Amino acid sequence: MLKDKVIIVTGTAGGLGRSMAIEFANQGAKVVINDVQVDGMKETESMIRQNGGTVKSIVADVSKKSEVESMIEATVDEFGTVDVVVNNAALLADFKPSLGITEEEWDRIMAVNLKGVYLMTNTALPLMLEKGAGTFINICSIGGSVAGVGDAAYITAKHGVIGYTKQLAFNYADKGIRAVTLSPGLTDTPMVRYAIDDGREEVMRQINATPSGTIGKAEDVAYLAAFLASDRARHINGVDYKIDGGQSII
């Protein structure tokens, strides 16, 4: 489904990023994986190679313009182009309310979760516009539409990602650019597993209120992301896909 597409995935040391990168490679893509957590990213790389996939690892902080530019340049040097960017890298501040978040935490979350999407997009976008085709899949959260599924900074940033993605599609759809958000509900990844294991009240309340009565798996997100990255989704643009077991309808 993704044969020979060049796909960059940020935040691939584990969780959703790892699962998506593996699925993309399984579907024939040439995958560039990125993270600041080197050991986890290398584990992802090894898993892809063991399955016979094509992969390149790049350490970079998506909140820093120079590092993002270097990552895109290295991708083009290795594979010749960029077809899809999956903006997945994100931070969570332990489900804190506004008064519990320091200014430093707020700034860092905004820098990674929101500014990072902007930097990755604006660096790859000129290449895509030149060839008249390109796709951005911005991994959001149902926290981009509702409250209570993260801390105050995380929720704010994810709302911003949805708005940014809609505007991106509005501005560039007629130039061959697609941009969508994929919004998981509670998913069994390291980012939320600790809270589930601790039986955190706010998390357990969400699980119990989800119509399916379950939380998602990273593979659930990966399968949908692979479809959205493919040419089979060519007429899908500017929309938010929720994958949450019905959690957001409550």
Protein backbone atom coordinates (compact mmCIF):
# COMPACT_ATOMS: atom_id res chain seq x y z
CA MET A 1 0.00 0.00 0.00
CA LEU A 2 2.93 2.37 0.64
CA LYS A 3 5.53 0.94 -1.73
CA ASP A 4 8.48 3.30 -2.19
CA LYS A 5 6.88 6.21 -0.34
CA VAL A 6 9.34 8.13 1.82
CA ILE A 7 7.77 8.74 5.22
CA ILE A 8 9.19 10.64 8.19
CA VAL A 9 7.79 9.73 11.61
CA THR A 10 8.73 11.76 14.68
CA GLY A 11 8.64 10.40 18.21
CA THR A 12 9.45 6.77 17.42
CA ALA A 13 11.20 5.54 20.58
CA GLY A 14 8.05 3.58 21.46
CA GLY A 15 4.27 3.77 21.54
CA LEU A 16 2.36 5.10 18.56
CA GLY A 17 5.44 6.28 16.69
CA ARG A 18 7.10 2.87 16.83
CA SER A 19 3.94 1.06 15.81
CA MET A 20 3.30 3.37 12.86
CA ALA A 21 6.90 3.22 11.64
CA ILE A 22 6.82 -0.58 11.68
CA GLU A 23 3.50 -0.71 9.83
CA PHE A 24 4.66 1.80 7.21
CA ALA A 25 7.77 -0.28 6.57
CA ASN A 26 5.69 -3.44 6.40
CA GLN A 27 3.60 -1.75 3.71
CA GLY A 28 6.71 -1.00 1.63
CA ALA A 29 7.61 2.54 2.68
CA LYS A 30 11.12 3.87 3.17
CA VAL A 31 10.85 5.13 6.73
CA VAL A 32 12.85 7.83 8.48
CA ILE A 33 12.41 7.58 12.23
CA ASN A 34 13.18 10.36 14.67
CA ASP A 35 13.44 10.86 18.40
CA VAL A 36 15.67 12.35 21.09
CA GLN A 37 15.55 9.06 23.02
CA VAL A 38 18.30 7.26 21.13
CA ASP A 39 18.05 3.81 22.71
CA GLY A 40 14.32 3.49 22.09
CA MET A 41 14.64 4.77 18.54
CA LYS A 42 17.41 2.27 17.81
CA GLU A 43 15.17 -0.53 19.10
CA THR A 44 12.51 0.59 16.64
CA GLU A 45 15.09 0.64 13.86
CA SER A 46 16.19 -2.88 14.73
CA MET A 47 12.60 -4.15 14.70
CA ILE A 48 12.03 -2.68 11.24
CA ARG A 49 15.25 -4.14 9.86
CA GLN A 50 14.45 -7.56 11.28
CA ASN A 51 11.25 -7.48 9.22
CA GLY A 52 13.21 -6.57 6.10
CA GLY A 53 12.15 -2.93 6.07
CA THR A 54 14.07 0.12 4.87
CA VAL A 55 14.77 2.62 7.65
CA LYS A 56 17.02 5.51 8.63
CA SER A 57 17.28 6.90 12.18
CA ILE A 58 17.84 10.58 12.87
CA VAL A 59 18.25 12.13 16.31
CA ALA A 60 16.64 15.57 16.35
CA ASP A 61 14.56 17.83 18.58
CA VAL A 62 11.49 18.85 16.57
CA SER A 63 11.22 22.11 18.53
CA LYS A 64 14.56 23.34 17.12
CA LYS A 65 14.51 24.68 13.59
CA SER A 66 18.12 23.87 12.74
CA GLU A 67 17.71 20.23 13.80
CA VAL A 68 14.50 19.87 11.83
CA GLU A 69 16.17 21.33 8.74
CA SER A 70 19.06 18.90 9.12
CA MET A 71 16.60 15.99 9.41
CA ILE A 72 14.77 16.92 6.21
CA GLU A 73 18.06 17.46 4.40
CA ALA A 74 19.36 14.06 5.53
CA THR A 75 16.14 12.42 4.38
CA VAL A 76 16.42 13.92 0.91
CA ASP A 77 20.10 12.99 0.71
CA GLU A 78 19.24 9.37 1.57
CA PHE A 79 15.97 8.83 -0.30
CA GLY A 80 15.63 11.74 -2.71
CA THR A 81 12.34 13.18 -1.49
CA VAL A 82 9.74 13.38 1.28
CA ASP A 83 6.24 12.08 0.55
CA VAL A 84 4.63 11.94 4.00
CA VAL A 85 5.39 13.57 7.34
CA VAL A 86 3.82 12.08 10.45
CA ASN A 87 4.06 14.57 13.29
CA ASN A 88 3.81 12.32 16.32
CA ALA A 89 6.35 13.65 18.87
CA ALA A 90 4.58 14.93 21.98
CA LEU A 91 4.93 15.48 25.72
CA LEU A 92 2.44 15.14 28.56
CA ALA A 93 2.68 16.88 31.97
CA ASP A 94 1.12 14.20 34.15
CA PHE A 95 -2.53 15.31 33.72
CA LYS A 96 -1.88 18.54 35.67
CA PRO A 97 -4.44 21.40 35.79
CA SER A 98 -3.32 24.91 34.95
CA LEU A 99 -2.14 25.85 38.44
CA GLY A 100 -0.03 22.70 38.57
CA ILE A 101 1.97 23.47 35.44
CA THR A 102 5.10 25.58 35.62
CA GLU A 103 5.91 28.12 32.95
CA GLU A 104 8.85 25.96 31.89
CA GLU A 105 6.60 22.91 31.46
CA TRP A 106 4.07 24.97 29.49
CA ASP A 107 6.73 26.34 27.15
CA ARG A 108 8.32 22.94 26.54
CA ILE A 109 5.01 21.23 25.77
CA MET A 110 4.00 24.00 23.39
CA ALA A 111 7.42 23.85 21.74
CA VAL A 112 7.25 20.11 21.03
CA ASN A 113 3.52 19.45 20.64
CA LEU A 114 2.60 22.52 18.57
CA LYS A 115 5.66 24.41 17.36
CA GLY A 116 7.27 21.12 16.34
CA VAL A 117 4.36 20.41 13.99
CA TYR A 118 4.78 23.85 12.44
CA LEU A 119 8.55 23.49 11.99
CA MET A 120 8.33 20.02 10.48
CA THR A 121 5.58 21.17 8.14
CA ASN A 122 7.21 24.37 6.95
CA THR A 123 10.50 22.61 6.33
CA ALA A 124 9.04 19.74 4.29
CA LEU A 125 6.26 21.70 2.58
CA PRO A 126 8.37 23.49 -0.07
CA LEU A 127 9.67 20.11 -1.31
CA MET A 128 6.11 18.80 -1.58
CA LEU A 129 4.84 21.93 -3.32
CA GLU A 130 7.64 21.67 -5.87
CA LYS A 131 6.45 18.21 -6.95
CA GLY A 132 2.75 18.95 -6.40
CA ALA A 133 2.09 16.22 -3.85
CA GLY A 134 2.57 15.53 -0.16
CA THR A 135 0.76 14.41 2.97
CA PHE A 136 0.90 15.49 6.61
CA ILE A 137 -0.58 13.24 9.26
CA ASN A 138 -0.62 15.08 12.56
CA ILE A 139 -1.11 12.73 15.49
CA CYS A 140 -3.44 14.56 17.78
CA SER A 141 -5.72 13.21 20.52
CA ILE A 142 -9.36 13.38 21.44
CA GLY A 143 -7.83 15.98 23.78
CA GLY A 144 -7.83 18.19 20.71
CA SER A 145 -11.62 18.28 20.93
CA VAL A 146 -12.53 17.57 24.56
CA ALA A 147 -11.11 18.22 28.01
CA GLY A 148 -9.98 15.81 30.69
CA VAL A 149 -7.64 13.54 28.73
CA GLY A 150 -4.40 15.31 29.53
CA ASP A 151 -2.89 18.30 31.27
CA ALA A 152 -3.85 21.90 30.56
CA ALA A 153 -0.89 22.55 28.25
CA TYR A 154 -1.28 19.27 26.35
CA ILE A 155 -5.00 19.86 25.76
CA THR A 156 -4.34 23.41 24.57
CA ALA A 157 -1.60 22.32 22.19
CA LYS A 158 -3.68 19.50 20.71
CA HIS A 159 -6.59 21.86 20.08
CA GLY A 160 -4.07 24.01 18.24
CA VAL A 161 -2.86 21.09 16.14
CA ILE A 162 -6.37 20.45 14.83
CA GLY A 163 -6.85 24.09 13.91
CA TYR A 164 -3.44 24.30 12.27
CA THR A 165 -4.09 21.18 10.23
CA LYS A 166 -7.42 22.46 8.95
CA GLN A 167 -5.82 25.72 7.87
CA LEU A 168 -2.95 23.86 6.22
CA ALA A 169 -5.38 21.89 4.09
CA PHE A 170 -7.39 25.02 3.31
CA ASN A 171 -4.30 26.89 2.08
CA TYR A 172 -2.60 24.13 0.10
CA ALA A 173 -5.13 21.47 -0.96
CA ASP A 174 -5.32 22.92 -4.47
CA LYS A 175 -1.55 22.46 -4.74
CA GLY A 176 -1.62 18.73 -4.07
CA ILE A 177 -1.14 18.82 -0.31
CA ARG A 178 -3.19 16.73 2.10
CA ALA A 179 -3.26 17.31 5.85
CA VAL A 180 -5.26 15.34 8.40
CA THR A 181 -5.26 14.74 12.13
CA LEU A 182 -5.58 11.34 13.74
CA SER A 183 -6.96 11.57 17.27
CA PRO A 184 -6.64 8.48 19.48
CA GLY A 185 -8.48 8.14 22.74
CA LEU A 186 -6.79 6.45 25.68
CA THR A 187 -4.28 4.09 24.14
CA ASP A 188 -1.96 1.58 25.75
CA THR A 189 1.31 3.43 25.25
CA PRO A 190 4.06 4.40 27.71
CA MET A 191 2.65 7.95 27.83
CA VAL A 192 -0.51 6.73 29.61
CA ARG A 193 0.37 3.23 30.80
CA TYR A 194 1.90 4.53 34.03
CA ALA A 195 -1.36 6.29 34.90
CA ILE A 196 -3.39 3.16 34.13
CA ASP A 197 -1.11 0.99 36.25
CA ASP A 198 -1.39 3.48 39.11
CA GLY A 199 -5.18 3.43 38.84
CA ARG A 200 -5.27 7.20 38.46
CA GLU A 201 -8.82 8.41 39.10
CA GLU A 202 -9.06 10.69 36.07
CA VAL A 203 -7.85 7.94 33.74
CA MET A 204 -9.98 5.15 35.18
CA ARG A 205 -13.03 7.40 34.96
CA GLN A 206 -12.38 7.85 31.25
CA ILE A 207 -11.93 4.13 30.66
CA ASN A 208 -15.12 3.32 32.51
CA ALA A 209 -17.01 5.94 30.51
CA THR A 210 -15.83 4.67 27.13
CA PRO A 211 -18.66 2.82 25.37
CA SER A 212 -16.36 -0.01 24.29
CA GLY A 213 -15.08 -0.40 27.85
CA THR A 214 -11.55 -0.81 26.53
CA ILE A 215 -8.52 1.26 25.65
CA GLY A 216 -6.91 1.23 22.25
CA LYS A 217 -3.74 -0.45 21.08
CA ALA A 218 -0.96 1.30 19.19
CA GLU A 219 -1.58 -1.01 16.24
CA ASP A 220 -5.12 0.36 15.89
CA VAL A 221 -3.68 3.78 15.17
CA ALA A 222 -0.95 2.42 12.90
CA TYR A 223 -3.41 0.67 10.58
CA LEU A 224 -5.44 3.84 10.07
CA ALA A 225 -2.32 5.97 9.67
CA ALA A 226 -1.04 3.65 6.93
CA PHE A 227 -4.29 4.04 5.00
CA LEU A 228 -4.23 7.82 5.38
CA ALA A 229 -0.64 7.91 4.14
CA SER A 230 -1.55 5.92 1.04
CA ASP A 231 -2.91 7.05 -2.32
CA ARG A 232 -6.14 5.26 -1.43
CA ALA A 233 -6.90 8.26 0.82
CA ARG A 234 -6.26 10.81 -1.93
CA HIS A 235 -9.64 12.54 -1.51
CA ILE A 236 -9.42 12.83 2.28
CA ASN A 237 -8.22 16.23 3.44
CA GLY A 238 -8.52 18.64 6.35
CA VAL A 239 -10.41 16.29 8.67
CA ASP A 240 -9.89 14.80 12.11
CA TYR A 241 -10.17 11.04 12.53
CA LYS A 242 -11.03 9.87 16.04
CA ILE A 243 -10.05 6.34 17.00
CA ASP A 244 -11.22 6.05 20.57
CA GLY A 245 -13.79 3.28 21.08
CA GLY A 246 -16.49 5.94 21.26
CA GLN A 247 -14.83 7.79 24.13
CA SER A 248 -15.38 11.24 22.64
CA ILE A 249 -19.13 10.81 22.18
CA ILE A 250 -19.81 10.84 25.91
